[in-house]
Amino acid sequence: MSRILVVDDEAAIGWSLRELLTDQGHEVAVAASAEDALATCDRFAADAILLDVRLPGRDGIAAMPDLQSRAPAAPVVVMTAFGDLDTAVRAVQAGAFDFLLKPFDLDRVSDVVARALADHERVATPTADIDTGAPVLVGSSAAMQGVFERIALMAMTDVPVLVTGPPGTGKELAARVIHARSARRDRPFVATSLGALAAGAVEAELFGVGDRPGLLELAGSGTILLDEIHAAPAPVQARLARMLESGVVARCGSVDPVRVAARIMAASDANLGKLVAERGFRADLFDRLRTGVLDMPPLSARLDDVAVLATHVLGRQAARLHRARAPAMTAEFLAALRGRSWPDNVRGLRQAVEFAAVVARGHALAPEHLPPVTPAADGQSTDGIQPAAATVAAAVREWAVAARRSFGDLPEPDLHHRLLQVAEAALLREALAHTGGNRTAAALLLGLDRATLRTKLRLLGIDE
């Protein structure tokens, strides 16, 4: 037997819902206003809530955060006679499980209530705490305990630090955590990726040129992280090695020394020892950087942390979206997370969990909310994509022949643009179909922001 709270100011509706649900074996409480509902929640532990929108006094949707704080695990089903877009958007944003439109179809009521109660019962993990935004590494596995111990030691010193590990393991986050727990915590933390800079721009960016200071100066007495240190050109490696030895630099085109007060950290997913042996990285720079080495483990070495990592991700996402609480996760969802391989490590897990939270629309996360596993993402053979790629190539050749016949005589045939429109429209339609028309989820799947997707849909004349 489940406990259901019905909130509606029409006595006839409250009575009919009580009769229906009581006949199905549920215990039902009825409240005529949002204020009465909040008071009822203090003595009636609801497993699900049926909530009318138009109530005397406080609006039902406006009261949802307070109701959810008193019954955090209870799905809320919104009831309304006004099924307009504004009501739907407000209810979804507030975390409604589903809608019931008045006048009711009793079979529909029974179905929605059954699904809401099933969602309530399958929840395996509590609501995640809302994240404060401070840099934090989470985990309780043996691998992470070793990381925490190293970080504690490094935070007590000012020696250079080299953070290593596969892509997606959180190397920059680890550097930020060390800084946040060091005596320099109130001073700047500057991070730059040398691999993202043009080879000719790295030197000027780091050391400055003319009247413009470089990042090493701008970091002041804080911390600077040189990510992808293996991508530094040879002359830059030489200057960094000298700087670590002497503590001074000179701007490009100048001989005047400038003292560097910042703590130096570097990060790399490359095997620097192997690069040194192959003369692809300077041995003296490697020796000076590895005074303190922190190796970040792959997710495969810390699968015991999957649940706490997912909970942390949901908390951060809820904070960004200004949600009162994060969605819960089912036991099946957590099992699905543990059952996947994660070649992109924590980064891949974070993206999958965020995607699932968008698709779930505030409900408990289940396996069907996860993005599909691609062969490459699951560490399997990528042979399956090859036939599809060959089919696309053949279709493009066929299209090009037809396009030349249709547009070849024009002053500007612009076949490239025409083909991109055709291919992009097909891809966007497929993404929307996969996500059930959910544009936010489709944007995540495509790697676009929602505004960009909306613009593309409008320009392509796609009305989903």
Protein backbone atom coordinates (compact mmCIF):
# COMPACT_ATOMS: atom_id res chain seq x y z
CA MET A 1 0.00 0.00 0.00
CA SER A 2 1.28 3.49 -0.93
CA ARG A 3 0.45 6.88 0.54
CA ILE A 4 -0.81 9.49 -1.93
CA LEU A 5 -1.48 13.17 -1.29
CA VAL A 6 -4.12 14.83 -3.50
CA VAL A 7 -4.04 18.65 -3.58
CA ASP A 8 -7.13 20.20 -5.22
CA ASP A 9 -9.59 22.85 -4.07
CA GLU A 10 -12.56 21.25 -5.88
CA ALA A 11 -14.19 18.93 -3.36
CA ALA A 12 -15.71 16.72 -6.05
CA ILE A 13 -12.32 16.06 -7.63
CA GLY A 14 -10.70 15.36 -4.29
CA TRP A 15 -13.50 12.93 -3.42
CA SER A 16 -13.38 11.09 -6.78
CA LEU A 17 -9.59 10.70 -6.67
CA ARG A 18 -9.74 9.49 -3.07
CA GLU A 19 -12.38 6.88 -4.02
CA LEU A 20 -10.42 5.71 -7.08
CA LEU A 21 -7.07 5.39 -5.33
CA THR A 22 -8.49 3.95 -2.12
CA ASP A 23 -10.20 1.21 -4.16
CA GLN A 24 -6.75 0.40 -5.57
CA GLY A 25 -5.40 -0.15 -2.06
CA HIS A 26 -3.70 3.19 -1.42
CA GLU A 27 -3.94 5.45 1.61
CA VAL A 28 -5.05 8.89 0.43
CA ALA A 29 -4.93 12.32 2.08
CA VAL A 30 -6.64 15.34 0.47
CA ALA A 31 -5.66 18.99 0.87
CA ALA A 32 -7.55 21.99 -0.56
CA SER A 33 -4.63 24.44 -0.83
CA ALA A 34 -0.86 24.55 -1.04
CA GLU A 35 -0.68 25.68 2.56
CA ASP A 36 -2.84 22.73 3.70
CA ALA A 37 -0.67 20.39 1.61
CA LEU A 38 2.53 21.57 3.30
CA ALA A 39 0.98 21.07 6.71
CA THR A 40 -0.24 17.60 5.67
CA CYS A 41 3.26 16.62 4.54
CA ASP A 42 4.52 17.16 8.08
CA ARG A 43 2.36 14.27 9.32
CA PHE A 44 1.73 12.24 6.15
CA ALA A 45 4.78 10.73 4.41
CA ALA A 46 3.54 10.80 0.83
CA ASP A 47 4.92 8.38 -1.76
CA ALA A 48 3.37 10.45 -4.59
CA ILE A 49 1.60 13.81 -4.88
CA LEU A 50 -1.21 14.82 -7.26
CA LEU A 51 -1.06 18.62 -7.39
CA ASP A 52 -3.52 21.04 -8.99
CA VAL A 53 -2.08 24.20 -10.55
CA ARG A 54 -4.88 26.69 -9.84
CA LEU A 55 -5.29 26.77 -6.08
CA PRO A 56 -6.64 29.43 -3.71
CA GLY A 57 -3.76 31.43 -2.37
CA ARG A 58 -0.45 30.01 -3.49
CA ASP A 59 -0.08 28.58 -6.99
CA GLY A 60 0.54 24.80 -7.06
CA ILE A 61 3.68 24.91 -9.20
CA ALA A 62 5.11 27.75 -7.11
CA ALA A 63 4.66 25.55 -4.04
CA MET A 64 6.45 22.55 -5.58
CA PRO A 65 9.93 23.34 -4.15
CA ASP A 66 8.52 23.43 -0.61
CA LEU A 67 6.52 20.24 -1.17
CA GLN A 68 9.61 18.52 -2.59
CA SER A 69 11.68 19.60 0.41
CA ARG A 70 9.15 17.94 2.72
CA ALA A 71 8.71 14.82 0.53
CA PRO A 72 11.94 14.71 -1.51
CA ALA A 73 11.41 11.22 -2.92
CA ALA A 74 7.73 11.66 -3.89
CA PRO A 75 7.06 12.21 -7.62
CA VAL A 76 4.72 15.15 -8.24
CA VAL A 77 1.99 14.77 -10.89
CA VAL A 78 0.61 18.14 -11.98
CA MET A 79 -3.15 18.39 -12.58
CA THR A 80 -4.51 21.23 -14.72
CA ALA A 81 -7.42 22.23 -16.91
CA PHE A 82 -5.11 24.61 -18.75
CA GLY A 83 -2.72 22.43 -20.77
CA ASP A 84 -0.84 25.32 -22.34
CA LEU A 85 2.87 25.65 -23.09
CA ASP A 86 3.60 28.01 -20.21
CA THR A 87 2.13 25.59 -17.67
CA ALA A 88 4.04 22.67 -19.19
CA VAL A 89 7.36 24.53 -19.14
CA ARG A 90 6.89 25.73 -15.56
CA ALA A 91 5.97 22.24 -14.38
CA VAL A 92 8.95 20.57 -16.10
CA GLN A 93 11.34 23.17 -14.74
CA ALA A 94 9.94 22.59 -11.26
CA GLY A 95 10.53 18.83 -11.62
CA ALA A 96 7.02 17.47 -12.31
CA PHE A 97 6.85 13.74 -13.03
CA ASP A 98 3.91 13.98 -15.45
CA PHE A 99 0.66 15.85 -16.26
CA LEU A 100 -3.02 15.03 -15.85
CA LEU A 101 -5.41 17.15 -17.90
CA LYS A 102 -8.90 17.84 -16.60
CA PRO A 103 -11.48 16.39 -17.08
CA PHE A 104 -9.79 13.17 -16.08
CA ASP A 105 -9.72 9.84 -17.83
CA LEU A 106 -9.66 7.48 -14.82
CA ASP A 107 -7.57 4.89 -16.68
CA ARG A 108 -5.06 7.62 -17.41
CA VAL A 109 -5.02 8.61 -13.73
CA SER A 110 -4.38 5.00 -12.67
CA ASP A 111 -1.59 4.61 -15.23
CA VAL A 112 0.21 7.82 -14.25
CA VAL A 113 -0.05 7.05 -10.53
CA ALA A 114 1.27 3.51 -11.08
CA ARG A 115 4.26 4.83 -13.01
CA ALA A 116 4.95 7.51 -10.42
CA LEU A 117 4.90 4.94 -7.60
CA ALA A 118 7.14 2.59 -9.59
CA ASP A 119 9.57 5.48 -10.09
CA HIS A 120 9.47 6.17 -6.36
CA GLU A 121 10.11 2.54 -5.41
CA ARG A 122 13.01 1.95 -7.79
CA VAL A 123 15.08 4.83 -6.37
CA ALA A 124 18.32 3.45 -4.96
CA THR A 125 20.34 6.53 -4.04
CA PRO A 126 19.29 9.62 -2.09
CA THR A 127 19.18 13.08 -3.55
CA ALA A 128 22.66 14.46 -4.18
CA ASP A 129 23.86 17.41 -2.16
CA ILE A 130 23.95 20.61 -4.18
CA ASP A 131 27.55 21.42 -5.07
CA THR A 132 29.13 24.68 -3.91
CA GLY A 133 31.46 25.00 -6.93
CA ALA A 134 34.72 24.68 -4.98
CA PRO A 135 37.30 22.37 -6.61
CA VAL A 136 36.90 18.91 -5.14
CA LEU A 137 37.96 15.37 -5.97
CA VAL A 138 35.61 12.63 -4.82
CA GLY A 139 36.09 8.92 -4.29
CA SER A 140 36.73 6.34 -1.60
CA SER A 141 38.59 3.69 -3.62
CA ALA A 142 42.10 2.62 -2.70
CA ALA A 143 43.41 4.34 -5.83
CA MET A 144 41.90 7.68 -4.80
CA GLN A 145 43.07 7.35 -1.21
CA GLY A 146 46.61 7.29 -2.60
CA VAL A 147 45.83 10.41 -4.66
CA PHE A 148 44.45 12.24 -1.62
CA GLU A 149 47.57 11.42 0.38
CA ARG A 150 49.84 12.80 -2.37
CA ILE A 151 47.74 15.95 -2.69
CA ALA A 152 47.92 16.57 1.06
CA LEU A 153 51.71 16.35 0.94
CA MET A 154 52.03 18.56 -2.14
CA ALA A 155 49.72 21.23 -0.73
CA MET A 156 52.18 21.70 2.12
CA THR A 157 55.10 22.57 -0.18
CA ASP A 158 55.96 24.94 -3.02
CA VAL A 159 57.85 22.47 -5.21
CA PRO A 160 56.90 22.07 -8.89
CA VAL A 161 54.26 19.41 -9.54
CA LEU A 162 53.81 17.14 -12.55
CA VAL A 163 50.30 15.66 -12.85
CA THR A 164 50.08 12.66 -15.16
CA GLY A 165 47.34 10.27 -16.24
CA PRO A 166 45.14 9.31 -19.19
CA PRO A 167 42.80 11.88 -20.78
CA GLY A 168 39.69 12.64 -18.76
CA THR A 169 41.05 11.61 -15.36
CA GLY A 170 40.88 15.10 -13.84
CA LYS A 171 44.48 16.34 -14.03
CA GLU A 172 43.57 20.04 -14.07
CA LEU A 173 41.06 19.53 -11.26
CA ALA A 174 43.75 17.84 -9.17
CA ALA A 175 46.05 20.82 -9.74
CA ARG A 176 43.29 23.20 -8.68
CA VAL A 177 42.68 21.16 -5.53
CA ILE A 178 46.38 21.32 -4.61
CA HIS A 179 46.32 25.09 -5.11
CA ALA A 180 43.07 25.50 -3.12
CA ARG A 181 44.63 23.70 -0.15
CA SER A 182 47.99 25.42 -0.29
CA ALA A 183 49.16 28.65 1.32
CA ARG A 184 48.60 30.32 -2.09
CA ARG A 185 44.84 29.57 -2.08
CA ASP A 186 43.87 33.28 -2.04
CA ARG A 187 46.12 34.10 -5.00
CA PRO A 188 45.52 33.53 -8.73
CA PHE A 189 45.35 30.11 -10.35
CA VAL A 190 46.20 30.41 -14.04
CA ALA A 191 45.80 27.44 -16.39
CA THR A 192 46.80 27.24 -20.05
CA SER A 193 46.98 24.36 -22.50
CA LEU A 194 50.17 24.47 -24.55
CA GLY A 195 48.65 22.03 -27.02
CA ALA A 196 45.84 24.50 -27.78
CA LEU A 197 48.27 27.30 -28.72
CA ALA A 198 49.96 27.75 -32.08
CA ALA A 199 53.59 26.65 -31.81
CA GLY A 200 54.82 30.13 -32.61
CA ALA A 201 52.62 31.76 -29.98
CA VAL A 202 53.58 29.64 -26.95
CA GLU A 203 56.74 31.57 -26.12
CA ALA A 204 55.11 35.01 -26.22
CA GLU A 205 52.06 33.72 -24.31
CA LEU A 206 54.15 32.35 -21.44
CA PHE A 207 57.02 34.82 -21.20
CA GLY A 208 55.47 38.01 -22.60
CA VAL A 209 56.70 40.30 -25.32
CA GLY A 210 57.54 44.00 -25.32
CA ASP A 211 55.31 45.82 -22.84
CA ARG A 212 52.94 42.87 -22.49
CA PRO A 213 53.55 40.50 -19.57
CA GLY A 214 53.23 36.77 -20.09
CA LEU A 215 51.20 34.28 -18.09
CA LEU A 216 54.15 33.46 -15.82
CA GLU A 217 54.13 37.08 -14.66
CA LEU A 218 50.35 37.43 -14.59
CA ALA A 219 50.09 34.48 -12.21
CA GLY A 220 51.82 36.67 -9.63
CA SER A 221 52.51 34.73 -6.46
CA GLY A 222 49.75 32.23 -7.22
CA THR A 223 49.95 29.02 -9.25
CA ILE A 224 50.26 28.41 -12.99
CA LEU A 225 49.36 25.10 -14.63
CA LEU A 226 51.01 24.27 -17.96
CA ASP A 227 48.72 21.60 -19.36
CA GLU A 228 49.93 19.38 -22.23
CA ILE A 229 53.50 20.27 -21.33
CA HIS A 230 54.70 17.67 -23.84
CA ALA A 231 53.43 19.98 -26.63
CA ALA A 232 55.87 22.78 -25.69
CA PRO A 233 58.29 23.56 -28.56
CA ALA A 234 61.96 22.79 -27.86
CA PRO A 235 62.98 26.47 -27.33
CA VAL A 236 60.17 26.90 -24.81
CA GLN A 237 61.23 23.74 -22.98
CA ALA A 238 64.75 25.14 -22.72
CA ARG A 239 63.54 28.47 -21.33
CA LEU A 240 61.23 26.74 -18.83
CA ALA A 241 64.09 24.58 -17.59
CA ARG A 242 66.26 27.66 -17.05
CA MET A 243 63.38 29.51 -15.35
CA LEU A 244 62.82 26.62 -12.92
CA GLU A 245 66.54 26.70 -12.10
CA SER A 246 66.99 30.47 -11.75
CA GLY A 247 63.49 31.72 -10.89
CA VAL A 248 63.65 34.48 -13.50
CA VAL A 249 62.53 34.98 -17.11
CA ALA A 250 62.95 37.65 -19.77
CA ARG A 251 60.20 38.76 -22.10
CA CYS A 252 60.65 37.95 -25.77
CA GLY A 253 62.94 40.56 -27.33
CA SER A 254 64.25 41.72 -23.94
CA VAL A 255 67.20 40.84 -21.72
CA ASP A 256 65.77 42.41 -18.57
CA PRO A 257 65.12 39.70 -15.98
CA VAL A 258 61.68 39.34 -14.39
CA ARG A 259 61.36 37.25 -11.25
CA VAL A 260 58.71 34.53 -11.35
CA ALA A 261 56.94 34.16 -8.01
CA ALA A 262 54.29 31.67 -9.14
CA ARG A 263 54.32 27.98 -8.28
CA ILE A 264 54.77 25.91 -11.42
CA MET A 265 52.59 22.89 -12.16
CA ALA A 266 52.48 20.88 -15.36
CA ALA A 267 50.20 18.16 -16.68
CA SER A 268 50.48 15.59 -19.44
CA ASP A 269 48.82 12.42 -20.66
CA ALA A 270 51.99 11.49 -22.56
CA ASN A 271 54.76 9.21 -21.30
CA LEU A 272 57.35 11.90 -20.66
CA GLY A 273 60.00 9.38 -19.61
CA LYS A 274 59.67 7.69 -22.99
CA LEU A 275 59.76 11.05 -24.78
CA VAL A 276 62.98 11.91 -22.92
CA ALA A 277 64.52 8.62 -24.02
CA GLU A 278 63.48 9.37 -27.61
CA ARG A 279 64.81 12.94 -27.33
CA GLY A 280 61.33 14.35 -27.76
CA PHE A 281 61.36 16.10 -24.37
CA ARG A 282 64.20 17.78 -22.48
CA ALA A 283 65.64 15.67 -19.68
CA ASP A 284 66.52 18.73 -17.55
CA LEU A 285 62.95 20.06 -17.70
CA PHE A 286 61.56 16.61 -16.89
CA ASP A 287 63.88 16.29 -13.89
CA ARG A 288 62.84 19.68 -12.50
CA LEU A 289 59.12 19.09 -13.01
CA ARG A 290 59.03 15.67 -11.39
CA THR A 291 60.05 16.95 -7.98
CA GLY A 292 56.46 16.16 -7.13
CA VAL A 293 54.56 13.67 -9.31
CA LEU A 294 50.84 12.96 -9.02
CA ASP A 295 49.51 10.14 -11.20
CA MET A 296 45.73 10.22 -11.73
CA PRO A 297 44.23 6.72 -12.08
CA PRO A 298 41.88 5.73 -14.92
CA LEU A 299 38.25 5.12 -14.03
CA SER A 300 38.76 1.39 -14.65
CA ALA A 301 41.03 1.37 -11.58
CA ARG A 302 38.38 3.00 -9.36
CA LEU A 303 35.01 1.53 -10.34
CA ASP A 304 34.00 1.56 -6.66
CA ASP A 305 33.77 5.34 -7.05
CA VAL A 306 31.16 5.29 -9.83
CA ALA A 307 28.18 5.94 -7.52
CA VAL A 308 29.80 8.81 -5.63
CA LEU A 309 31.09 10.34 -8.88
CA ALA A 310 27.63 10.20 -10.46
CA THR A 311 26.07 11.73 -7.34
CA HIS A 312 28.63 14.53 -7.43
CA VAL A 313 27.96 15.21 -11.11
CA LEU A 314 24.22 15.48 -10.47
CA GLY A 315 24.82 17.86 -7.58
CA ARG A 316 26.95 20.16 -9.72
CA GLN A 317 24.41 20.07 -12.55
CA ALA A 318 21.57 20.93 -10.17
CA ALA A 319 23.57 23.88 -8.85
CA ARG A 320 24.21 25.19 -12.37
CA LEU A 321 20.50 24.91 -13.21
CA HIS A 322 19.44 26.44 -9.86
CA ARG A 323 17.42 23.35 -8.98
CA ALA A 324 16.35 22.74 -5.39
CA ARG A 325 17.51 19.13 -5.58
CA ALA A 326 19.25 16.72 -7.91
CA PRO A 327 17.47 13.67 -9.40
CA ALA A 328 17.89 10.29 -7.76
CA MET A 329 19.40 7.21 -9.44
CA THR A 330 17.97 3.72 -9.66
CA ALA A 331 19.97 0.62 -8.78
CA GLU A 332 19.70 -0.45 -12.43
CA PHE A 333 21.19 2.86 -13.55
CA LEU A 334 24.20 2.47 -11.26
CA ALA A 335 24.68 -1.12 -12.43
CA ALA A 336 24.65 0.09 -16.04
CA LEU A 337 27.30 2.70 -15.22
CA ARG A 338 29.53 0.08 -13.60
CA GLY A 339 29.01 -2.27 -16.53
CA ARG A 340 30.34 0.13 -19.14
CA SER A 341 33.96 0.66 -20.03
CA TRP A 342 35.00 4.31 -19.86
CA PRO A 343 37.81 5.11 -22.33
CA ASP A 344 37.23 8.82 -21.62
CA ASN A 345 37.40 8.09 -17.89
CA VAL A 346 35.65 10.49 -15.47
CA ARG A 347 35.00 12.97 -18.27
CA GLY A 348 33.03 10.34 -20.19
CA LEU A 349 31.09 9.34 -17.08
CA ARG A 350 30.22 12.97 -16.36
CA GLN A 351 28.92 13.53 -19.89
CA ALA A 352 26.83 10.34 -19.78
CA VAL A 353 25.27 11.18 -16.40
CA GLU A 354 24.49 14.76 -17.43
CA PHE A 355 22.89 13.47 -20.63
CA ALA A 356 20.79 10.99 -18.65
CA ALA A 357 19.62 13.71 -16.26
CA VAL A 358 18.39 15.83 -19.16
CA VAL A 359 16.52 12.94 -20.79
CA ALA A 360 15.00 11.85 -17.44
CA ARG A 361 13.43 15.32 -16.92
CA GLY A 362 13.75 15.23 -13.16
CA HIS A 363 12.66 11.61 -12.70
CA ALA A 364 14.86 8.92 -11.21
CA LEU A 365 17.67 8.06 -13.62
CA ALA A 366 17.34 4.64 -15.26
CA PRO A 367 19.48 2.74 -17.83
CA GLU A 368 17.27 3.82 -20.74
CA HIS A 369 18.24 7.44 -20.07
CA LEU A 370 21.92 6.84 -20.83
CA PRO A 371 23.31 7.70 -24.27
CA PRO A 372 23.78 4.66 -26.53
CA VAL A 373 27.08 2.84 -26.32
CA THR A 374 29.12 3.27 -29.48
CA PRO A 375 31.68 0.59 -30.37
CA ALA A 376 34.59 2.99 -29.86
CA ALA A 377 33.25 4.22 -26.52
CA ASP A 378 32.85 0.67 -25.26
CA GLY A 379 36.35 -0.38 -26.24
CA GLN A 380 34.97 -2.71 -28.91
CA SER A 381 35.76 -2.99 -32.60
CA THR A 382 34.83 0.01 -34.72
CA ASP A 383 34.13 -2.22 -37.73
CA GLY A 384 30.41 -1.53 -37.42
CA ILE A 385 30.83 2.09 -38.49
CA GLN A 386 32.75 1.25 -41.63
CA PRO A 387 29.82 -0.11 -43.69
CA ALA A 388 27.74 2.93 -42.71
CA ALA A 389 30.58 5.26 -43.72
CA ALA A 390 30.88 3.48 -47.07
CA THR A 391 27.14 3.86 -47.60
CA VAL A 392 27.35 7.58 -46.87
CA ALA A 393 30.27 7.97 -49.29
CA ALA A 394 28.34 6.18 -52.04
CA ALA A 395 25.28 8.34 -51.37
CA VAL A 396 27.39 11.50 -51.59
CA ARG A 397 28.79 10.42 -54.96
CA GLU A 398 25.25 9.74 -56.24
CA TRP A 399 24.05 13.08 -54.89
CA ALA A 400 26.99 14.91 -56.50
CA VAL A 401 26.13 13.49 -59.92
CA ALA A 402 22.51 14.63 -59.59
CA ALA A 403 23.54 18.00 -58.17
CA ARG A 404 25.89 18.71 -61.07
CA ARG A 405 23.02 18.09 -63.48
CA SER A 406 20.67 20.37 -61.55
CA PHE A 407 23.00 23.18 -60.49
CA GLY A 408 26.15 22.84 -62.62
CA ASP A 409 25.12 25.57 -65.06
CA LEU A 410 24.59 28.16 -62.33
CA PRO A 411 27.26 30.90 -61.89
CA GLU A 412 27.84 29.63 -58.31
CA PRO A 413 26.65 26.00 -57.96
CA ASP A 414 27.80 25.95 -54.29
CA LEU A 415 27.54 22.16 -54.07
CA HIS A 416 29.46 22.06 -50.78
CA HIS A 417 26.91 24.23 -48.98
CA ARG A 418 23.97 22.37 -50.54
CA LEU A 419 25.34 19.00 -49.44
CA LEU A 420 26.00 20.21 -45.90
CA GLN A 421 22.39 21.38 -45.65
CA VAL A 422 21.10 17.98 -46.72
CA ALA A 423 23.41 16.05 -44.37
CA GLU A 424 22.89 18.39 -41.43
CA ALA A 425 19.12 18.31 -41.73
CA ALA A 426 19.15 14.49 -41.73
CA LEU A 427 21.46 14.37 -38.71
CA LEU A 428 19.40 16.86 -36.71
CA ARG A 429 16.16 15.00 -37.45
CA GLU A 430 17.74 11.72 -36.38
CA ALA A 431 19.02 13.26 -33.12
CA LEU A 432 15.59 14.71 -32.33
CA ALA A 433 13.91 11.40 -33.10
CA HIS A 434 16.36 9.58 -30.81
CA THR A 435 15.66 11.96 -27.92
CA GLY A 436 11.89 12.05 -28.43
CA GLY A 437 11.99 15.68 -29.55
CA ASN A 438 13.90 16.84 -26.46
CA ARG A 439 16.05 19.63 -27.90
CA THR A 440 18.31 19.94 -24.88
CA ALA A 441 19.14 16.24 -25.00
CA ALA A 442 19.60 16.40 -28.79
CA ALA A 443 22.01 19.32 -28.39
CA LEU A 444 24.05 17.30 -25.88
CA LEU A 445 24.13 14.33 -28.26
CA LEU A 446 25.25 16.52 -31.17
CA GLY A 447 27.82 18.48 -29.18
CA LEU A 448 25.99 21.77 -29.74
CA ASP A 449 24.57 24.28 -27.33
CA ARG A 450 20.78 24.56 -27.34
CA ALA A 451 20.74 28.05 -28.89
CA THR A 452 22.89 26.89 -31.81
CA LEU A 453 20.63 23.88 -32.37
CA ARG A 454 17.55 26.09 -32.29
CA THR A 455 19.10 28.41 -34.89
CA LYS A 456 20.05 25.52 -37.17
CA LEU A 457 16.56 24.03 -36.96
CA ARG A 458 15.04 27.37 -37.91
CA LEU A 459 17.43 27.95 -40.84
CA LEU A 460 16.84 24.41 -42.12
CA GLY A 461 13.08 24.74 -41.79
CA ILE A 462 12.78 21.84 -39.35
CA ASP A 463 9.77 22.22 -37.08
CA GLU A 464 9.91 19.46 -34.45
